[in-house]
């Protein structure tokens, strides 16, 4: 079994500031910035990079892991803090020099995203009705997010190039209220550009998915089988 090593890249010439990105055990993408002075370690910044990326300014990086509470600690406790509060187990630490030390956080994340290994992850949508912008005007699917929640979603063309979320709810848990439909709290936009990129941005940024391409089909009966068609299955 391959054991994960935490690779910390130097973020300043003095090599007292370090940063990295990694995926948690539940598939969340995290940015972590540290300041290390001998035996003292402090978390300077930490946020999910798979949330709020359509926003600007401070709001873009405001999705902080709720379990993270320990911000200063002994350097030798770094891996323990990450495992307990950031949902990732590493088996060692590697401090590496970086040619990107002078980059801003924005530039660093863009560099990381550009150089990450590319994988194809297909969003499968069942389409019905006439076509607009190369897509059927009604689209439905059952998917599993990177948080391993099963979600049913129905999208439709609205007007003026905009699509609308007609339905979006979890269906993997029984709720106290009979027939209750609970919408994922991360979904904050009802309207979106009715295009492939608009749909991918909506689902990836607000439902914690990582789809890269869309496949539209009309040959799947979503009502007869509740198994997710795509996502973290």
Protein backbone atom coordinates (compact mmCIF):
# COMPACT_ATOMS: atom_id res chain seq x y z
CA UNK A 1 0.00 0.00 0.00
CA UNK A 2 1.31 3.42 -0.97
CA UNK A 3 1.65 5.69 2.04
CA UNK A 4 0.96 9.40 1.63
CA UNK A 5 3.73 11.89 2.38
CA UNK A 6 2.90 15.52 3.18
CA UNK A 7 4.95 17.61 0.74
CA UNK A 8 5.31 21.17 2.03
CA UNK A 9 6.57 23.68 -0.54
CA UNK A 10 8.55 26.69 0.61
CA UNK A 11 6.55 29.90 0.23
CA UNK A 12 9.30 32.41 1.12
CA UNK A 13 13.11 32.65 0.76
CA UNK A 14 13.63 32.16 4.51
CA UNK A 15 11.85 28.79 4.37
CA UNK A 16 9.71 29.61 7.36
CA UNK A 17 6.44 29.66 5.40
CA UNK A 18 5.17 26.56 3.62
CA UNK A 19 2.04 25.60 1.71
CA UNK A 20 0.45 22.65 0.00
CA UNK A 21 -2.78 21.27 -1.38
CA UNK A 22 -4.21 17.81 -0.79
CA UNK A 23 -7.39 15.78 -0.88
CA UNK A 24 -8.99 14.53 2.31
CA UNK A 25 -10.22 10.99 2.85
CA UNK A 26 -13.68 12.21 1.84
CA UNK A 27 -12.52 13.78 -1.40
CA UNK A 28 -12.43 17.43 -0.32
CA UNK A 29 -9.65 19.58 -1.79
CA UNK A 30 -7.76 21.60 0.83
CA UNK A 31 -5.21 24.41 0.74
CA UNK A 32 -2.94 24.59 3.79
CA UNK A 33 -0.46 27.35 4.65
CA UNK A 34 1.92 27.01 7.60
CA UNK A 35 4.52 29.09 9.43
CA UNK A 36 7.25 27.04 11.08
CA UNK A 37 9.89 28.40 13.44
CA UNK A 38 11.88 25.55 14.90
CA UNK A 39 9.61 23.56 17.19
CA UNK A 40 6.70 26.00 16.82
CA UNK A 41 4.15 25.56 14.04
CA UNK A 42 1.11 27.71 13.18
CA UNK A 43 -1.60 27.38 10.55
CA UNK A 44 -1.67 30.69 8.69
CA UNK A 45 -4.52 29.79 6.33
CA UNK A 46 -6.63 26.79 5.45
CA UNK A 47 -9.68 26.48 3.20
CA UNK A 48 -11.45 24.16 0.79
CA UNK A 49 -10.55 24.86 -2.83
CA UNK A 50 -13.57 22.98 -4.19
CA UNK A 51 -16.01 25.58 -2.79
CA UNK A 52 -16.78 29.23 -3.61
CA UNK A 53 -14.47 29.37 -6.62
CA UNK A 54 -17.02 31.40 -8.58
CA UNK A 55 -16.72 34.16 -5.95
CA UNK A 56 -14.07 36.84 -5.66
CA UNK A 57 -11.98 38.36 -2.89
CA UNK A 58 -12.05 36.95 0.62
CA UNK A 59 -15.30 35.08 -0.05
CA UNK A 60 -13.48 32.91 -2.60
CA UNK A 61 -11.40 31.38 0.17
CA UNK A 62 -13.85 31.51 3.03
CA UNK A 63 -14.81 27.84 3.21
CA UNK A 64 -12.76 26.83 6.22
CA UNK A 65 -12.90 23.23 7.54
CA UNK A 66 -15.22 23.33 10.54
CA UNK A 67 -13.27 20.68 12.44
CA UNK A 68 -10.08 22.76 12.35
CA UNK A 69 -9.64 24.33 15.77
CA UNK A 70 -5.97 23.88 16.65
CA UNK A 71 -4.00 26.66 14.98
CA UNK A 72 -0.75 26.63 16.96
CA UNK A 73 1.08 23.52 18.12
CA UNK A 74 4.44 21.79 18.27
CA UNK A 75 5.93 21.00 14.86
CA UNK A 76 6.15 17.33 15.80
CA UNK A 77 2.34 17.29 16.21
CA UNK A 78 1.63 18.54 12.67
CA UNK A 79 0.55 15.19 11.22
CA UNK A 80 -1.61 14.44 14.25
CA UNK A 81 -3.47 17.74 13.87
CA UNK A 82 -4.02 17.17 10.16
CA UNK A 83 -5.34 13.66 10.76
CA UNK A 84 -7.65 14.67 13.60
CA UNK A 85 -8.96 17.96 12.21
CA UNK A 86 -8.41 17.91 8.44
CA UNK A 87 -9.44 14.34 7.66
CA UNK A 88 -6.18 13.18 6.09
CA UNK A 89 -3.54 10.75 7.32
CA UNK A 90 0.04 11.29 6.27
CA UNK A 91 2.94 9.06 7.23
CA UNK A 92 5.74 11.59 6.91
CA UNK A 93 6.66 15.17 6.00
CA UNK A 94 8.89 16.34 3.17
CA UNK A 95 10.03 19.97 2.97
CA UNK A 96 10.77 20.88 -0.64
CA UNK A 97 12.13 24.03 -2.29
CA UNK A 98 9.84 25.64 -4.82
CA UNK A 99 10.31 27.84 -7.86
CA UNK A 100 6.80 29.14 -7.13
CA UNK A 101 7.74 30.62 -3.75
CA UNK A 102 7.05 34.15 -4.94
CA UNK A 103 3.55 33.41 -6.24
CA UNK A 104 0.45 34.79 -4.56
CA UNK A 105 -2.13 32.34 -3.24
CA UNK A 106 -4.25 32.86 -6.37
CA UNK A 107 -1.28 32.25 -8.66
CA UNK A 108 -0.13 29.23 -6.64
CA UNK A 109 -3.53 27.56 -6.83
CA UNK A 110 -3.78 28.25 -10.55
CA UNK A 111 -0.34 26.70 -11.04
CA UNK A 112 -1.32 23.64 -8.99
CA UNK A 113 -4.56 23.18 -10.93
CA UNK A 114 -2.80 23.55 -14.29
CA UNK A 115 -0.16 20.96 -13.42
CA UNK A 116 -2.38 18.42 -11.69
CA UNK A 117 -2.82 15.07 -13.49
CA UNK A 118 -5.92 15.31 -15.67
CA UNK A 119 -8.61 12.66 -15.23
CA UNK A 120 -11.88 12.39 -17.11
CA UNK A 121 -14.92 12.37 -14.84
CA UNK A 122 -18.21 12.16 -16.71
CA UNK A 123 -21.47 13.70 -15.56
CA UNK A 124 -24.27 11.54 -17.01
CA UNK A 125 -27.52 13.42 -17.62
CA UNK A 126 -30.81 12.02 -18.89
CA UNK A 127 -32.28 14.51 -21.35
CA UNK A 128 -35.84 15.16 -22.52
CA UNK A 129 -37.57 17.70 -24.74
CA UNK A 130 -36.37 20.13 -27.37
CA UNK A 131 -32.80 21.37 -27.57
CA UNK A 132 -31.27 24.69 -26.52
CA UNK A 133 -27.57 25.47 -26.83
CA UNK A 134 -26.91 21.84 -27.72
CA UNK A 135 -28.67 20.46 -24.62
CA UNK A 136 -32.17 19.06 -24.03
CA UNK A 137 -34.34 21.56 -22.17
CA UNK A 138 -34.89 19.09 -19.29
CA UNK A 139 -31.99 17.24 -17.66
CA UNK A 140 -32.05 14.85 -14.72
CA UNK A 141 -29.58 12.60 -12.95
CA UNK A 142 -28.73 10.75 -9.77
CA UNK A 143 -25.16 11.30 -8.64
CA UNK A 144 -22.89 10.79 -5.67
CA UNK A 145 -20.91 13.80 -4.49
CA UNK A 146 -17.33 13.74 -3.22
CA UNK A 147 -18.85 13.82 0.26
CA UNK A 148 -20.46 10.46 -0.60
CA UNK A 149 -24.00 11.83 -0.47
CA UNK A 150 -26.48 10.61 -3.09
CA UNK A 151 -28.32 13.47 -4.79
CA UNK A 152 -31.15 13.65 -7.29
CA UNK A 153 -31.08 16.76 -9.44
CA UNK A 154 -33.36 18.10 -12.16
CA UNK A 155 -32.33 21.04 -14.34
CA UNK A 156 -34.33 22.85 -17.01
CA UNK A 157 -33.97 25.68 -19.47
CA UNK A 158 -35.67 28.83 -18.16
CA UNK A 159 -35.20 31.83 -20.50
CA UNK A 160 -32.63 34.36 -21.70
CA UNK A 161 -29.92 31.70 -21.82
CA UNK A 162 -30.44 30.76 -18.18
CA UNK A 163 -31.17 27.38 -16.66
CA UNK A 164 -32.98 26.74 -13.40
CA UNK A 165 -32.62 24.06 -10.71
CA UNK A 166 -36.11 22.57 -10.53
CA UNK A 167 -35.26 19.94 -7.93
CA UNK A 168 -32.18 18.97 -5.94
CA UNK A 169 -32.36 16.76 -2.86
CA UNK A 170 -30.61 14.00 -0.96
CA UNK A 171 -32.17 10.58 -1.28
CA UNK A 172 -29.75 8.40 0.70
CA UNK A 173 -31.21 8.97 4.17
CA UNK A 174 -34.58 8.61 5.83
CA UNK A 175 -35.73 11.84 7.46
CA UNK A 176 -38.14 12.22 10.35
CA UNK A 177 -40.69 14.02 8.25
CA UNK A 178 -42.23 11.64 5.75
CA UNK A 179 -41.44 12.50 2.11
CA UNK A 180 -39.12 15.33 3.21
CA UNK A 181 -36.78 16.58 0.50
CA UNK A 182 -33.62 18.10 1.94
CA UNK A 183 -31.64 20.31 -0.44
CA UNK A 184 -27.83 20.27 0.01
CA UNK A 185 -26.97 23.44 1.95
CA UNK A 186 -24.00 24.15 -0.35
CA UNK A 187 -26.39 24.82 -3.25
CA UNK A 188 -26.93 28.56 -3.11
CA UNK A 189 -27.76 29.41 -6.73
CA UNK A 190 -31.04 28.56 -8.42
CA UNK A 191 -30.16 29.98 -11.85
CA UNK A 192 -27.09 29.31 -13.99
CA UNK A 193 -25.90 29.69 -17.61
CA UNK A 194 -27.63 26.92 -19.58
CA UNK A 195 -24.51 25.40 -21.12
CA UNK A 196 -22.20 22.48 -20.44
CA UNK A 197 -19.69 24.70 -18.66
CA UNK A 198 -22.47 26.38 -16.66
CA UNK A 199 -23.79 23.02 -15.46
CA UNK A 200 -20.30 21.72 -14.60
CA UNK A 201 -19.47 24.87 -12.64
CA UNK A 202 -22.74 24.67 -10.70
CA UNK A 203 -22.35 21.03 -9.68
CA UNK A 204 -18.61 21.13 -9.04
CA UNK A 205 -18.58 24.32 -6.99
CA UNK A 206 -21.82 23.95 -5.07
CA UNK A 207 -22.39 20.20 -4.74
CA UNK A 208 -18.73 19.20 -4.18
CA UNK A 209 -18.20 17.23 -7.39
CA UNK A 210 -15.27 17.10 -9.82
CA UNK A 211 -16.82 16.36 -13.21
CA UNK A 212 -14.87 17.31 -16.32
CA UNK A 213 -17.25 16.33 -19.14
CA UNK A 214 -20.97 15.80 -19.75
CA UNK A 215 -22.66 12.83 -21.41
CA UNK A 216 -26.35 13.24 -22.30
CA UNK A 217 -28.48 10.14 -22.86
CA UNK A 218 -32.16 9.35 -23.20
CA UNK A 219 -32.02 5.62 -22.57
CA UNK A 220 -31.99 5.42 -18.76
CA UNK A 221 -35.07 5.10 -16.55
CA UNK A 222 -34.21 7.08 -13.41
CA UNK A 223 -37.49 6.16 -11.75
CA UNK A 224 -36.90 2.41 -11.77
CA UNK A 225 -33.43 2.42 -10.17
CA UNK A 226 -32.08 4.77 -7.52
CA UNK A 227 -28.42 3.82 -7.94
CA UNK A 228 -26.22 6.88 -8.72
CA UNK A 229 -25.29 7.11 -12.40
CA UNK A 230 -22.03 8.96 -11.84
CA UNK A 231 -19.78 10.74 -9.36
CA UNK A 232 -17.90 9.18 -6.44
CA UNK A 233 -19.38 5.71 -6.99
